[in-house]
């Protein structure tokens, strides 16, 4: 069996590693001309870390992320409402990790190159369409450099190409598309000195305005060697389904 994966993000690269572990050959096609460590902070919960640990990546992830120990909820004045342990401190067999999304993708990318070889990842290939028969599928791509058309054949095609997935759009051509839920969110990451024990996550605010703050790894500037912080700031009210329609 040969698997064609569309998208070299976190999902696509993890799938490639899982298939390789089960000795199923695959190739990954990515629209971007090169893989770059983009994004901001994310939290990877224990059920997901367990899968990455199965791939032998926990030690490498520990080197670039933070094992979240505690989550504190506070109101908009910063007054504590509730705190709870996370990850190993909450009794799980594996930790919760706060990590920069790009660094997580970098760990996965390096593992794919080491285990499958660099030729298994085709960058600069934008998915356009697929056709399928009874026992095979063909995916068509356009090379971003020059516009040449490329066809990849396989037994299975998996779309890991993100929220605006071209694979999904072909499968469900009559879907109305995404609907905004009324919430605006600003996300970012910055170098800063660590706060509390350096492994604590804070969620503060109310229903309409909320701040999420947590360390995601070592800082990348000499004057702030402690941590890089991830921040999510959201504003707005989620619309009820009837109102959204």
C-alpha atoms as a PDB file:
ATOM      1  CA  UNK A   1       0.000   0.000   0.000  1.00  0.00           C
ATOM      2  CA  UNK A   2       1.218   3.484  -0.879  1.00  0.00           C
ATOM      3  CA  UNK A   3      -0.255   6.579   0.795  1.00  0.00           C
ATOM      4  CA  UNK A   4      -0.246  10.089  -0.684  1.00  0.00           C
ATOM      5  CA  UNK A   5      -0.441  12.816   1.987  1.00  0.00           C
ATOM      6  CA  UNK A   6      -1.434  16.362   1.071  1.00  0.00           C
ATOM      7  CA  UNK A   7       0.060  18.873   3.513  1.00  0.00           C
ATOM      8  CA  UNK A   8       3.281  18.859   5.539  1.00  0.00           C
ATOM      9  CA  UNK A   9       1.911  20.485   8.663  1.00  0.00           C
ATOM     10  CA  UNK A  10       1.698  18.842  12.079  1.00  0.00           C
ATOM     11  CA  UNK A  11      -0.996  16.392  10.956  1.00  0.00           C
ATOM     12  CA  UNK A  12       0.642  15.369   7.696  1.00  0.00           C
ATOM     13  CA  UNK A  13       4.121  14.880   9.165  1.00  0.00           C
ATOM     14  CA  UNK A  14       2.792  12.931  12.160  1.00  0.00           C
ATOM     15  CA  UNK A  15       0.794  10.692   9.823  1.00  0.00           C
ATOM     16  CA  UNK A  16       3.922  10.040   7.732  1.00  0.00           C
ATOM     17  CA  UNK A  17       5.832   8.977  10.853  1.00  0.00           C
ATOM     18  CA  UNK A  18       2.973   6.730  12.002  1.00  0.00           C
ATOM     19  CA  UNK A  19       2.788   5.047   8.594  1.00  0.00           C
ATOM     20  CA  UNK A  20       6.540   4.580   8.496  1.00  0.00           C
ATOM     21  CA  UNK A  21       6.453   2.962  11.930  1.00  0.00           C
ATOM     22  CA  UNK A  22       3.983   0.439  10.500  1.00  0.00           C
ATOM     23  CA  UNK A  23       6.125  -0.034   7.384  1.00  0.00           C
ATOM     24  CA  UNK A  24       3.602   1.558   5.059  1.00  0.00           C
ATOM     25  CA  UNK A  25       5.311   3.686   2.372  1.00  0.00           C
ATOM     26  CA  UNK A  26       4.068   7.238   1.862  1.00  0.00           C
ATOM     27  CA  UNK A  27       4.955  10.571   0.317  1.00  0.00           C
ATOM     28  CA  UNK A  28       4.051  14.058   1.510  1.00  0.00           C
ATOM     29  CA  UNK A  29       3.173  16.929  -0.853  1.00  0.00           C
ATOM     30  CA  UNK A  30       3.328  20.493   0.468  1.00  0.00           C
ATOM     31  CA  UNK A  31       2.311  23.707  -1.314  1.00  0.00           C
ATOM     32  CA  UNK A  32       4.915  25.922   0.392  1.00  0.00           C
ATOM     33  CA  UNK A  33       8.276  26.040  -1.378  1.00  0.00           C
ATOM     34  CA  UNK A  34      10.046  25.208   1.886  1.00  0.00           C
ATOM     35  CA  UNK A  35       9.164  24.122   5.410  1.00  0.00           C
ATOM     36  CA  UNK A  36       9.566  27.006   7.847  1.00  0.00           C
ATOM     37  CA  UNK A  37       8.963  27.054  11.575  1.00  0.00           C
ATOM     38  CA  UNK A  38       5.988  29.429  11.573  1.00  0.00           C
ATOM     39  CA  UNK A  39       3.248  30.057  14.114  1.00  0.00           C
ATOM     40  CA  UNK A  40       2.898  30.889  17.786  1.00  0.00           C
ATOM     41  CA  UNK A  41       2.289  28.944  20.997  1.00  0.00           C
ATOM     42  CA  UNK A  42       0.088  25.873  21.285  1.00  0.00           C
ATOM     43  CA  UNK A  43      -0.674  23.419  24.089  1.00  0.00           C
ATOM     44  CA  UNK A  44      -0.337  19.724  23.317  1.00  0.00           C
ATOM     45  CA  UNK A  45      -2.441  17.691  25.750  1.00  0.00           C
ATOM     46  CA  UNK A  46      -1.406  14.283  27.144  1.00  0.00           C
ATOM     47  CA  UNK A  47      -3.505  12.211  24.718  1.00  0.00           C
ATOM     48  CA  UNK A  48      -1.589  13.790  21.820  1.00  0.00           C
ATOM     49  CA  UNK A  49       1.798  13.640  23.564  1.00  0.00           C
ATOM     50  CA  UNK A  50       1.211   9.905  24.077  1.00  0.00           C
ATOM     51  CA  UNK A  51       1.080   9.482  20.280  1.00  0.00           C
ATOM     52  CA  UNK A  52       4.232  11.548  19.750  1.00  0.00           C
ATOM     53  CA  UNK A  53       5.936   9.637  22.549  1.00  0.00           C
ATOM     54  CA  UNK A  54       5.101   6.401  20.739  1.00  0.00           C
ATOM     55  CA  UNK A  55       7.127   7.790  17.847  1.00  0.00           C
ATOM     56  CA  UNK A  56      10.126   8.333  20.125  1.00  0.00           C
ATOM     57  CA  UNK A  57       9.946  12.142  19.990  1.00  0.00           C
ATOM     58  CA  UNK A  58       9.413  13.055  23.649  1.00  0.00           C
ATOM     59  CA  UNK A  59      13.063  13.756  24.434  1.00  0.00           C
ATOM     60  CA  UNK A  60      13.384  16.055  21.420  1.00  0.00           C
ATOM     61  CA  UNK A  61      10.136  17.843  22.280  1.00  0.00           C
ATOM     62  CA  UNK A  62      11.315  18.357  25.858  1.00  0.00           C
ATOM     63  CA  UNK A  63      14.344  20.170  24.468  1.00  0.00           C
ATOM     64  CA  UNK A  64      12.218  22.822  22.728  1.00  0.00           C
ATOM     65  CA  UNK A  65       9.024  22.986  24.834  1.00  0.00           C
ATOM     66  CA  UNK A  66       7.843  23.320  28.431  1.00  0.00           C
ATOM     67  CA  UNK A  67       6.140  20.644  30.527  1.00  0.00           C
ATOM     68  CA  UNK A  68       3.071  22.476  31.787  1.00  0.00           C
ATOM     69  CA  UNK A  69       2.643  21.837  35.516  1.00  0.00           C
ATOM     70  CA  UNK A  70      -0.366  23.959  36.436  1.00  0.00           C
ATOM     71  CA  UNK A  71      -3.271  25.941  34.996  1.00  0.00           C
ATOM     72  CA  UNK A  72      -4.604  28.974  36.860  1.00  0.00           C
ATOM     73  CA  UNK A  73      -7.966  30.579  36.062  1.00  0.00           C
ATOM     74  CA  UNK A  74      -8.406  34.228  37.026  1.00  0.00           C
ATOM     75  CA  UNK A  75     -11.017  36.933  36.508  1.00  0.00           C
ATOM     76  CA  UNK A  76     -10.427  40.111  34.513  1.00  0.00           C
ATOM     77  CA  UNK A  77      -8.832  41.777  37.548  1.00  0.00           C
ATOM     78  CA  UNK A  78      -6.276  39.012  37.912  1.00  0.00           C
ATOM     79  CA  UNK A  79      -7.907  37.530  41.006  1.00  0.00           C
ATOM     80  CA  UNK A  80      -7.530  33.763  41.174  1.00  0.00           C
ATOM     81  CA  UNK A  81     -10.677  31.676  40.729  1.00  0.00           C
ATOM     82  CA  UNK A  82      -9.309  28.159  40.414  1.00  0.00           C
ATOM     83  CA  UNK A  83      -6.085  26.261  39.819  1.00  0.00           C
ATOM     84  CA  UNK A  84      -5.491  22.666  38.766  1.00  0.00           C
ATOM     85  CA  UNK A  85      -2.476  20.447  37.996  1.00  0.00           C
ATOM     86  CA  UNK A  86      -1.753  19.416  34.410  1.00  0.00           C
ATOM     87  CA  UNK A  87       0.051  16.572  32.684  1.00  0.00           C
ATOM     88  CA  UNK A  88       2.213  14.385  34.913  1.00  0.00           C
ATOM     89  CA  UNK A  89       1.198  16.413  37.964  1.00  0.00           C
ATOM     90  CA  UNK A  90      -2.442  15.573  37.228  1.00  0.00           C
ATOM     91  CA  UNK A  91      -1.704  11.841  37.158  1.00  0.00           C
ATOM     92  CA  UNK A  92      -1.213  11.267  33.435  1.00  0.00           C
ATOM     93  CA  UNK A  93       1.543   8.930  32.246  1.00  0.00           C
ATOM     94  CA  UNK A  94       2.853  11.568  29.860  1.00  0.00           C
ATOM     95  CA  UNK A  95       3.178  15.357  30.195  1.00  0.00           C
ATOM     96  CA  UNK A  96       1.271  18.255  28.714  1.00  0.00           C
ATOM     97  CA  UNK A  97       3.593  20.407  26.622  1.00  0.00           C
ATOM     98  CA  UNK A  98       3.387  24.108  25.873  1.00  0.00           C
ATOM     99  CA  UNK A  99       5.425  24.658  22.737  1.00  0.00           C
ATOM    100  CA  UNK A 100       5.905  26.968  19.786  1.00  0.00           C
ATOM    101  CA  UNK A 101       3.993  25.511  16.849  1.00  0.00           C
ATOM    102  CA  UNK A 102       6.934  26.017  14.507  1.00  0.00           C
ATOM    103  CA  UNK A 103       9.314  24.174  16.801  1.00  0.00           C
ATOM    104  CA  UNK A 104       6.898  21.244  17.022  1.00  0.00           C
ATOM    105  CA  UNK A 105       6.656  21.135  13.239  1.00  0.00           C
ATOM    106  CA  UNK A 106      10.462  21.342  13.041  1.00  0.00           C
ATOM    107  CA  UNK A 107      10.863  18.290  15.281  1.00  0.00           C
ATOM    108  CA  UNK A 108       8.391  16.341  13.139  1.00  0.00           C
ATOM    109  CA  UNK A 109      10.014  17.451   9.889  1.00  0.00           C
ATOM    110  CA  UNK A 110      13.497  16.438  11.059  1.00  0.00           C
ATOM    111  CA  UNK A 111      12.164  13.027  12.106  1.00  0.00           C
ATOM    112  CA  UNK A 112      10.485  12.467   8.721  1.00  0.00           C
ATOM    113  CA  UNK A 113      13.685  13.372   6.858  1.00  0.00           C
ATOM    114  CA  UNK A 114      15.754  11.089   9.104  1.00  0.00           C
ATOM    115  CA  UNK A 115      13.418   8.094   8.837  1.00  0.00           C
ATOM    116  CA  UNK A 116      11.841   8.374   5.388  1.00  0.00           C
ATOM    117  CA  UNK A 117      14.471  10.409   3.565  1.00  0.00           C
ATOM    118  CA  UNK A 118      14.278  13.918   2.119  1.00  0.00           C
ATOM    119  CA  UNK A 119      12.781  12.594  -1.129  1.00  0.00           C
ATOM    120  CA  UNK A 120       9.594  11.606   0.719  1.00  0.00           C
ATOM    121  CA  UNK A 121       8.641  15.291   1.108  1.00  0.00           C
ATOM    122  CA  UNK A 122       7.765  17.247  -2.032  1.00  0.00           C
ATOM    123  CA  UNK A 123       7.622  20.978  -1.345  1.00  0.00           C
ATOM    124  CA  UNK A 124       6.286  23.526  -3.813  1.00  0.00           C
ATOM    125  CA  UNK A 125       3.413  21.256  -4.899  1.00  0.00           C
ATOM    126  CA  UNK A 126      -0.025  22.900  -4.667  1.00  0.00           C
ATOM    127  CA  UNK A 127      -2.905  20.402  -4.700  1.00  0.00           C
ATOM    128  CA  UNK A 128      -5.479  20.980  -7.457  1.00  0.00           C
ATOM    129  CA  UNK A 129      -7.703  17.859  -7.653  1.00  0.00           C
ATOM    130  CA  UNK A 130      -7.864  14.098  -7.400  1.00  0.00           C
ATOM    131  CA  UNK A 131      -9.495  11.237  -9.296  1.00  0.00           C
ATOM    132  CA  UNK A 132     -10.134   7.796  -7.900  1.00  0.00           C
ATOM    133  CA  UNK A 133     -10.974   4.353  -9.186  1.00  0.00           C
ATOM    134  CA  UNK A 134     -11.949   1.156  -7.456  1.00  0.00           C
ATOM    135  CA  UNK A 135      -8.485   0.451  -6.064  1.00  0.00           C
ATOM    136  CA  UNK A 136      -6.353   3.534  -6.610  1.00  0.00           C
ATOM    137  CA  UNK A 137      -6.292   7.313  -6.462  1.00  0.00           C
ATOM    138  CA  UNK A 138      -4.416   9.957  -8.432  1.00  0.00           C
ATOM    139  CA  UNK A 139      -3.698  13.385  -6.990  1.00  0.00           C
ATOM    140  CA  UNK A 140      -2.841  16.301  -9.245  1.00  0.00           C
ATOM    141  CA  UNK A 141      -0.541  19.119  -8.207  1.00  0.00           C
ATOM    142  CA  UNK A 142       0.770  22.338  -9.705  1.00  0.00           C
ATOM    143  CA  UNK A 143       4.393  23.169  -9.023  1.00  0.00           C
ATOM    144  CA  UNK A 144       4.637  26.643  -7.535  1.00  0.00           C
ATOM    145  CA  UNK A 145       7.931  27.196  -9.383  1.00  0.00           C
ATOM    146  CA  UNK A 146       7.112  27.214 -13.065  1.00  0.00           C
ATOM    147  CA  UNK A 147       3.554  25.913 -12.915  1.00  0.00           C
ATOM    148  CA  UNK A 148       4.276  22.395 -14.213  1.00  0.00           C
ATOM    149  CA  UNK A 149       1.574  19.778 -13.585  1.00  0.00           C
ATOM    150  CA  UNK A 150       2.457  16.721 -11.508  1.00  0.00           C
ATOM    151  CA  UNK A 151       0.399  13.569 -10.823  1.00  0.00           C
ATOM    152  CA  UNK A 152       0.981  11.292  -7.838  1.00  0.00           C
ATOM    153  CA  UNK A 153      -0.625   7.844  -7.725  1.00  0.00           C
ATOM    154  CA  UNK A 154      -1.373   5.843  -4.614  1.00  0.00           C
ATOM    155  CA  UNK A 155      -3.752   3.452  -2.911  1.00  0.00           C
ATOM    156  CA  UNK A 156      -4.916   6.056  -0.372  1.00  0.00           C
ATOM    157  CA  UNK A 157      -5.065   9.852  -0.401  1.00  0.00           C
ATOM    158  CA  UNK A 158      -5.210  11.733   2.915  1.00  0.00           C
ATOM    159  CA  UNK A 159      -5.905  15.478   3.041  1.00  0.00           C
ATOM    160  CA  UNK A 160      -3.897  17.154   5.815  1.00  0.00           C
ATOM    161  CA  UNK A 161      -3.982  20.515   4.076  1.00  0.00           C
ATOM    162  CA  UNK A 162      -5.488  22.672   6.779  1.00  0.00           C
ATOM    163  CA  UNK A 163      -8.664  24.592   7.440  1.00  0.00           C
ATOM    164  CA  UNK A 164      -9.029  25.584   3.767  1.00  0.00           C
ATOM    165  CA  UNK A 165      -8.414  22.007   2.592  1.00  0.00           C
ATOM    166  CA  UNK A 166      -8.615  21.523  -1.156  1.00  0.00           C
ATOM    167  CA  UNK A 167      -9.127  17.781  -0.661  1.00  0.00           C
ATOM    168  CA  UNK A 168     -12.137  18.389   1.567  1.00  0.00           C
ATOM    169  CA  UNK A 169     -13.514  20.982  -0.838  1.00  0.00           C
ATOM    170  CA  UNK A 170     -13.617  18.391  -3.613  1.00  0.00           C
ATOM    171  CA  UNK A 171     -15.150  15.738  -1.350  1.00  0.00           C
ATOM    172  CA  UNK A 172     -17.841  18.107  -0.030  1.00  0.00           C
ATOM    173  CA  UNK A 173     -18.284  20.546  -2.891  1.00  0.00           C
ATOM    174  CA  UNK A 174     -21.721  21.733  -1.725  1.00  0.00           C
ATOM    175  CA  UNK A 175     -20.706  22.797   1.769  1.00  0.00           C
ATOM    176  CA  UNK A 176     -21.357  26.457   2.532  1.00  0.00           C
ATOM    177  CA  UNK A 177     -17.882  26.959   3.982  1.00  0.00           C
ATOM    178  CA  UNK A 178     -16.714  28.449   7.247  1.00  0.00           C
ATOM    179  CA  UNK A 179     -18.947  30.639   9.399  1.00  0.00           C
ATOM    180  CA  UNK A 180     -17.516  33.209  11.784  1.00  0.00           C
ATOM    181  CA  UNK A 181     -18.553  32.616  15.397  1.00  0.00           C
ATOM    182  CA  UNK A 182     -18.247  36.282  16.374  1.00  0.00           C
ATOM    183  CA  UNK A 183     -14.945  35.993  18.269  1.00  0.00           C
ATOM    184  CA  UNK A 184     -11.813  37.953  17.351  1.00  0.00           C
ATOM    185  CA  UNK A 185      -8.507  36.494  18.529  1.00  0.00           C
ATOM    186  CA  UNK A 186      -5.032  37.988  18.569  1.00  0.00           C
ATOM    187  CA  UNK A 187      -2.148  35.551  19.008  1.00  0.00           C
ATOM    188  CA  UNK A 188       1.551  36.149  19.445  1.00  0.00           C
ATOM    189  CA  UNK A 189       4.801  35.094  21.072  1.00  0.00           C
ATOM    190  CA  UNK A 190       7.518  37.185  22.673  1.00  0.00           C
ATOM    191  CA  UNK A 191      10.720  36.844  24.658  1.00  0.00           C
ATOM    192  CA  UNK A 192      10.157  37.585  28.359  1.00  0.00           C
ATOM    193  CA  UNK A 193      11.339  36.675  31.808  1.00  0.00           C
ATOM    194  CA  UNK A 194       9.614  33.660  33.294  1.00  0.00           C
ATOM    195  CA  UNK A 195       6.762  34.128  35.784  1.00  0.00           C
ATOM    196  CA  UNK A 196       5.783  32.010  38.793  1.00  0.00           C
ATOM    197  CA  UNK A 197       7.548  28.629  38.456  1.00  0.00           C
ATOM    198  CA  UNK A 198       8.093  28.935  34.698  1.00  0.00           C
ATOM    199  CA  UNK A 199       5.700  26.034  33.995  1.00  0.00           C
ATOM    200  CA  UNK A 200       2.346  27.662  34.739  1.00  0.00           C
ATOM    201  CA  UNK A 201      -0.411  28.552  32.285  1.00  0.00           C
ATOM    202  CA  UNK A 202      -2.875  31.384  33.012  1.00  0.00           C
ATOM    203  CA  UNK A 203      -6.383  31.902  31.622  1.00  0.00           C
ATOM    204  CA  UNK A 204      -7.869  35.231  32.699  1.00  0.00           C
ATOM    205  CA  UNK A 205     -10.988  37.222  31.828  1.00  0.00           C
ATOM    206  CA  UNK A 206     -14.682  36.580  31.343  1.00  0.00           C
ATOM    207  CA  UNK A 207     -17.049  35.286  28.676  1.00  0.00           C
ATOM    208  CA  UNK A 208     -16.438  38.077  26.170  1.00  0.00           C
ATOM    209  CA  UNK A 209     -12.778  38.970  26.775  1.00  0.00           C
ATOM    210  CA  UNK A 210     -10.099  36.459  27.621  1.00  0.00           C
ATOM    211  CA  UNK A 211      -6.313  36.307  27.925  1.00  0.00           C
ATOM    212  CA  UNK A 212      -4.330  33.055  27.743  1.00  0.00           C
ATOM    213  CA  UNK A 213      -0.637  33.289  28.699  1.00  0.00           C
ATOM    214  CA  UNK A 214       1.955  30.529  28.993  1.00  0.00           C
ATOM    215  CA  UNK A 215       5.679  29.789  28.438  1.00  0.00           C
ATOM    216  CA  UNK A 216       6.455  27.836  25.255  1.00  0.00           C
ATOM    217  CA  UNK A 217      10.226  27.328  25.463  1.00  0.00           C
ATOM    218  CA  UNK A 218      13.588  28.966  25.858  1.00  0.00           C
ATOM    219  CA  UNK A 219      13.911  32.556  24.701  1.00  0.00           C
ATOM    220  CA  UNK A 220      15.922  33.262  21.578  1.00  0.00           C
ATOM    221  CA  UNK A 221      17.614  36.494  22.689  1.00  0.00           C
ATOM    222  CA  UNK A 222      20.485  36.841  25.135  1.00  0.00           C
ATOM    223  CA  UNK A 223      18.811  39.540  27.240  1.00  0.00           C
ATOM    224  CA  UNK A 224      15.754  37.310  27.819  1.00  0.00           C
ATOM    225  CA  UNK A 225      17.271  33.843  28.277  1.00  0.00           C
ATOM    226  CA  UNK A 226      14.447  32.486  30.405  1.00  0.00           C
ATOM    227  CA  UNK A 227      11.398  31.938  28.242  1.00  0.00           C
ATOM    228  CA  UNK A 228       9.416  32.692  25.160  1.00  0.00           C
ATOM    229  CA  UNK A 229       5.778  33.340  26.051  1.00  0.00           C
ATOM    230  CA  UNK A 230       2.720  32.494  23.978  1.00  0.00           C
ATOM    231  CA  UNK A 231      -0.312  34.768  24.249  1.00  0.00           C
ATOM    232  CA  UNK A 232      -3.917  34.493  23.010  1.00  0.00           C
ATOM    233  CA  UNK A 233      -6.248  37.468  23.444  1.00  0.00           C
ATOM    234  CA  UNK A 234      -9.867  37.001  22.365  1.00  0.00           C
ATOM    235  CA  UNK A 235     -12.769  39.434  22.225  1.00  0.00           C
ATOM    236  CA  UNK A 236     -16.408  39.000  21.253  1.00  0.00           C
ATOM    237  CA  UNK A 237     -19.433  36.867  21.887  1.00  0.00           C
ATOM    238  CA  UNK A 238     -19.937  33.471  20.289  1.00  0.00           C
ATOM    239  CA  UNK A 239     -23.024  33.438  18.152  1.00  0.00           C
ATOM    240  CA  UNK A 240     -25.743  30.865  18.732  1.00  0.00           C
ATOM    241  CA  UNK A 241     -26.234  28.448  15.797  1.00  0.00           C
ATOM    242  CA  UNK A 242     -29.575  29.995  14.841  1.00  0.00           C
ATOM    243  CA  UNK A 243     -28.102  33.510  14.802  1.00  0.00           C
ATOM    244  CA  UNK A 244     -25.052  32.341  12.858  1.00  0.00           C
ATOM    245  CA  UNK A 245     -27.270  30.833  10.180  1.00  0.00           C
END
